[in-house]
Amino acid sequence: MDSLIGITGKDFVIFVADTAQARSILKMKGDEDKIMVVDDSKMFAMAGDTGDRTTFCEYVKRNLKLYEIRSGLTLSTHAAAHWTRRALADALRQGPYETNLLFGGWDSEAGASLYYLDYLGSMHKMPFAIQGYASNFVLSIFDRYYKEDLTIPEGLDLAKLCIAELNKRFLLAQPNWAIKVIKKGDDGKASLEVIVPAKQ
């Protein structure tokens, strides 16, 4: 029952995720951070079984760091997303992870990018993406208001519209949300900004 939203603009990616951790009909806690920072320029939004999503994303994060240490090179968002997709596809044949992801970041060459990955190992690059039941309610908002050259304030306004729509129309109560942004910094490098932390 996780809700994840990803939005790209000219030089940024915004991730929005609910902070509820539930199992069956029971809400375990309300301050679970479902947005994992991979490095200064990349992050995940994670949905699915708590153990699977955390284990898999930690595995990816550690392996991307290992590659950086061994080679001295940092993978681009595009390359890291493809590595993640391959890891999901390989696991599908052995012990699949019940996790769906949004993977995004900002690179000096490619700019902002966002990838939609599911537990079956499929991946698509998208300007905006939604995982979970939230897509039934907020895709129409993106159809109407999304544009490629969004500014960060416009992107945050769009995120607030989505949250308001879910709070109004979705059967499940998801009152708390985490919002994080990776953007092009003033020095020309990627920088992370936490707009709304999971633990408030």
Protein backbone atom coordinates (compact mmCIF):
# COMPACT_ATOMS: atom_id res chain seq x y z
CA MET A 1 0.00 0.00 0.00
CA ASP A 2 2.97 2.30 -0.58
CA SER A 3 2.60 5.49 -2.58
CA LEU A 4 5.61 6.88 -4.42
CA ILE A 5 5.74 9.88 -6.74
CA GLY A 6 8.69 11.05 -8.83
CA ILE A 7 8.86 14.32 -10.77
CA THR A 8 11.62 15.62 -13.03
CA GLY A 9 12.17 19.23 -13.99
CA LYS A 10 14.87 21.11 -15.82
CA ASP A 11 17.64 20.47 -13.30
CA PHE A 12 16.06 18.46 -10.49
CA VAL A 13 14.23 15.32 -9.42
CA ILE A 14 11.63 15.38 -6.63
CA PHE A 15 10.68 12.19 -4.78
CA VAL A 16 7.55 12.04 -2.63
CA ALA A 17 6.73 8.97 -0.51
CA ASP A 18 4.22 8.18 2.20
CA THR A 19 5.79 7.29 5.55
CA ALA A 20 3.43 4.54 6.72
CA GLN A 21 4.76 1.04 7.31
CA ALA A 22 1.95 -1.50 7.32
CA ARG A 23 1.43 -5.24 7.21
CA SER A 24 -1.97 -6.55 6.20
CA ILE A 25 -4.51 -4.34 8.01
CA LEU A 26 -2.10 -3.14 10.71
CA LYS A 27 -0.09 0.07 10.59
CA MET A 28 3.23 -0.59 12.32
CA LYS A 29 4.66 2.92 12.28
CA GLY A 30 4.16 6.27 10.62
CA ASP A 31 7.71 7.56 10.12
CA GLU A 32 9.29 5.04 7.72
CA ASP A 33 11.63 6.74 5.25
CA LYS A 34 11.00 5.10 1.87
CA ILE A 35 13.42 7.40 0.05
CA MET A 36 17.01 6.12 0.21
CA VAL A 37 19.88 8.37 -0.82
CA VAL A 38 22.42 6.37 -2.87
CA ASP A 39 25.03 9.13 -3.17
CA ASP A 40 25.19 12.89 -3.72
CA SER A 41 23.49 12.63 -7.12
CA LYS A 42 21.12 9.63 -6.93
CA MET A 43 18.29 8.27 -4.79
CA PHE A 44 15.64 5.53 -4.64
CA ALA A 45 11.99 5.65 -3.70
CA MET A 46 11.04 2.14 -2.54
CA ALA A 47 7.73 0.26 -2.38
CA GLY A 48 6.92 -3.29 -1.42
CA ASP A 49 7.68 -5.65 1.42
CA THR A 50 9.76 -3.80 4.02
CA GLY A 51 12.47 -6.46 4.26
CA ASP A 52 12.80 -6.92 0.50
CA ARG A 53 12.87 -3.24 -0.38
CA THR A 54 15.43 -2.35 2.30
CA THR A 55 17.64 -5.37 1.65
CA PHE A 56 17.65 -4.90 -2.12
CA CYS A 57 18.27 -1.15 -2.06
CA GLU A 58 21.08 -1.53 0.49
CA TYR A 59 22.59 -4.22 -1.77
CA VAL A 60 22.46 -1.88 -4.77
CA LYS A 61 23.81 1.08 -2.81
CA ARG A 62 26.77 -0.93 -1.48
CA ASN A 63 27.59 -2.43 -4.87
CA LEU A 64 27.53 0.97 -6.58
CA LYS A 65 29.92 2.24 -3.91
CA LEU A 66 32.15 -0.85 -4.35
CA TYR A 67 32.31 -0.17 -8.09
CA GLU A 68 33.31 3.43 -7.37
CA ILE A 69 36.09 2.32 -4.97
CA ARG A 70 37.43 -0.34 -7.37
CA SER A 71 37.35 1.72 -10.57
CA GLY A 72 37.58 5.27 -9.30
CA LEU A 73 34.51 6.13 -11.41
CA THR A 74 31.01 7.03 -10.27
CA LEU A 75 28.25 5.51 -12.39
CA SER A 76 25.81 7.91 -14.04
CA THR A 77 22.14 7.73 -13.08
CA HIS A 78 21.46 5.94 -16.38
CA ALA A 79 24.15 3.30 -15.79
CA ALA A 80 23.18 2.81 -12.13
CA ALA A 81 19.51 2.34 -13.11
CA HIS A 82 20.50 -0.30 -15.67
CA TRP A 83 22.67 -2.09 -13.09
CA THR A 84 19.72 -2.05 -10.67
CA ARG A 85 17.37 -3.42 -13.33
CA ARG A 86 19.80 -6.24 -14.08
CA ALA A 87 20.09 -7.08 -10.37
CA LEU A 88 16.26 -7.29 -10.13
CA ALA A 89 16.09 -9.47 -13.26
CA ASP A 90 18.83 -11.82 -11.97
CA ALA A 91 17.09 -12.14 -8.59
CA LEU A 92 13.82 -12.98 -10.35
CA ARG A 93 15.31 -16.33 -11.40
CA GLN A 94 16.70 -17.21 -7.97
CA GLY A 95 14.87 -15.48 -5.13
CA PRO A 96 12.79 -12.52 -6.33
CA TYR A 97 12.56 -9.29 -4.37
CA GLU A 98 9.03 -8.03 -3.83
CA THR A 99 9.93 -4.41 -4.47
CA ASN A 100 9.03 -1.69 -6.95
CA LEU A 101 11.29 1.32 -7.30
CA LEU A 102 11.69 4.81 -8.62
CA PHE A 103 15.34 5.63 -9.28
CA GLY A 104 16.42 9.15 -10.10
CA GLY A 105 19.22 11.63 -10.02
CA TRP A 106 21.04 14.48 -11.68
CA ASP A 107 24.21 14.25 -13.79
CA SER A 108 26.18 17.05 -15.41
CA GLU A 109 25.99 15.35 -18.83
CA ALA A 110 22.42 14.02 -18.88
CA GLY A 111 20.71 16.38 -16.44
CA ALA A 112 17.78 15.11 -14.38
CA SER A 113 16.48 11.60 -15.04
CA LEU A 114 13.90 9.31 -13.48
CA TYR A 115 13.46 5.56 -13.97
CA TYR A 116 10.47 3.37 -13.12
CA LEU A 117 11.46 -0.20 -12.14
CA ASP A 118 9.22 -3.05 -11.06
CA TYR A 119 9.84 -6.38 -9.36
CA LEU A 120 9.85 -8.22 -12.71
CA GLY A 121 12.98 -6.36 -13.82
CA SER A 122 11.36 -3.98 -16.31
CA MET A 123 12.55 -0.39 -16.50
CA HIS A 124 11.36 2.77 -18.23
CA LYS A 125 12.78 6.28 -18.25
CA MET A 126 9.94 8.70 -17.52
CA PRO A 127 9.42 12.43 -16.91
CA PHE A 128 7.17 11.59 -13.95
CA ALA A 129 6.24 8.29 -12.35
CA ILE A 130 3.94 6.93 -9.66
CA GLN A 131 4.15 3.56 -7.90
CA GLY A 132 1.25 2.03 -6.00
CA TYR A 133 -2.45 2.76 -5.83
CA ALA A 134 -1.66 6.46 -5.90
CA SER A 135 -1.37 6.23 -9.69
CA ASN A 136 -5.15 5.74 -9.93
CA PHE A 137 -5.67 9.18 -8.42
CA VAL A 138 -2.80 11.41 -9.45
CA LEU A 139 -1.88 10.53 -13.05
CA SER A 140 -4.63 12.86 -14.23
CA ILE A 141 -3.03 15.70 -12.25
CA PHE A 142 0.23 15.14 -14.14
CA ASP A 143 -1.64 14.94 -17.45
CA ARG A 144 -3.04 18.38 -16.78
CA TYR A 145 -0.26 20.27 -14.97
CA TYR A 146 3.07 18.65 -15.82
CA LYS A 147 5.48 20.44 -18.18
CA GLU A 148 9.09 19.61 -18.98
CA ASP A 149 10.61 22.89 -17.76
CA LEU A 150 9.11 22.85 -14.26
CA THR A 151 10.87 24.87 -11.60
CA ILE A 152 11.40 23.42 -8.12
CA PRO A 153 8.59 25.53 -6.56
CA GLU A 154 6.22 24.42 -9.35
CA GLY A 155 7.27 20.80 -8.81
CA LEU A 156 6.63 21.07 -5.08
CA ASP A 157 3.23 22.65 -5.77
CA LEU A 158 2.45 19.72 -8.05
CA ALA A 159 3.52 17.30 -5.29
CA LYS A 160 1.23 19.11 -2.83
CA LEU A 161 -1.68 18.81 -5.29
CA CYS A 162 -1.06 15.06 -5.50
CA ILE A 163 -0.90 14.67 -1.72
CA ALA A 164 -4.10 16.70 -1.28
CA GLU A 165 -5.88 14.53 -3.87
CA LEU A 166 -4.79 11.32 -2.15
CA ASN A 167 -5.81 12.63 1.27
CA LYS A 168 -9.21 13.56 -0.12
CA ARG A 169 -10.05 10.53 -2.29
CA PHE A 170 -7.90 7.52 -1.29
CA LEU A 171 -9.53 5.06 1.10
CA LEU A 172 -6.32 4.54 3.09
CA ALA A 173 -5.13 7.28 5.42
CA GLN A 174 -1.61 8.41 4.50
CA PRO A 175 -1.30 11.63 6.48
CA ASN A 176 2.51 11.89 6.53
CA TRP A 177 4.81 12.27 3.55
CA ALA A 178 8.55 12.61 2.97
CA ILE A 179 9.84 14.85 0.18
CA LYS A 180 13.44 14.96 -1.07
CA VAL A 181 15.01 16.79 -4.01
CA ILE A 182 18.24 16.20 -5.91
CA LYS A 183 19.09 19.28 -7.95
CA LYS A 184 21.89 21.02 -9.75
CA GLY A 185 23.75 23.04 -7.15
CA ASP A 186 25.24 26.51 -7.56
CA ASP A 187 28.68 24.94 -8.02
CA GLY A 188 27.46 22.82 -10.97
CA LYS A 189 27.38 19.62 -8.91
CA ALA A 190 24.38 17.67 -7.65
CA SER A 191 23.04 18.54 -4.22
CA LEU A 192 20.44 16.89 -2.00
CA GLU A 193 17.75 18.80 -0.15
CA VAL A 194 15.29 17.27 2.30
CA ILE A 195 12.08 19.31 2.02
CA VAL A 196 9.98 17.22 4.43
CA PRO A 197 11.77 14.56 6.53
CA ALA A 198 10.13 11.21 7.27
CA LYS A 199 10.57 11.71 11.02
CA GLN A 200 8.88 14.97 11.94
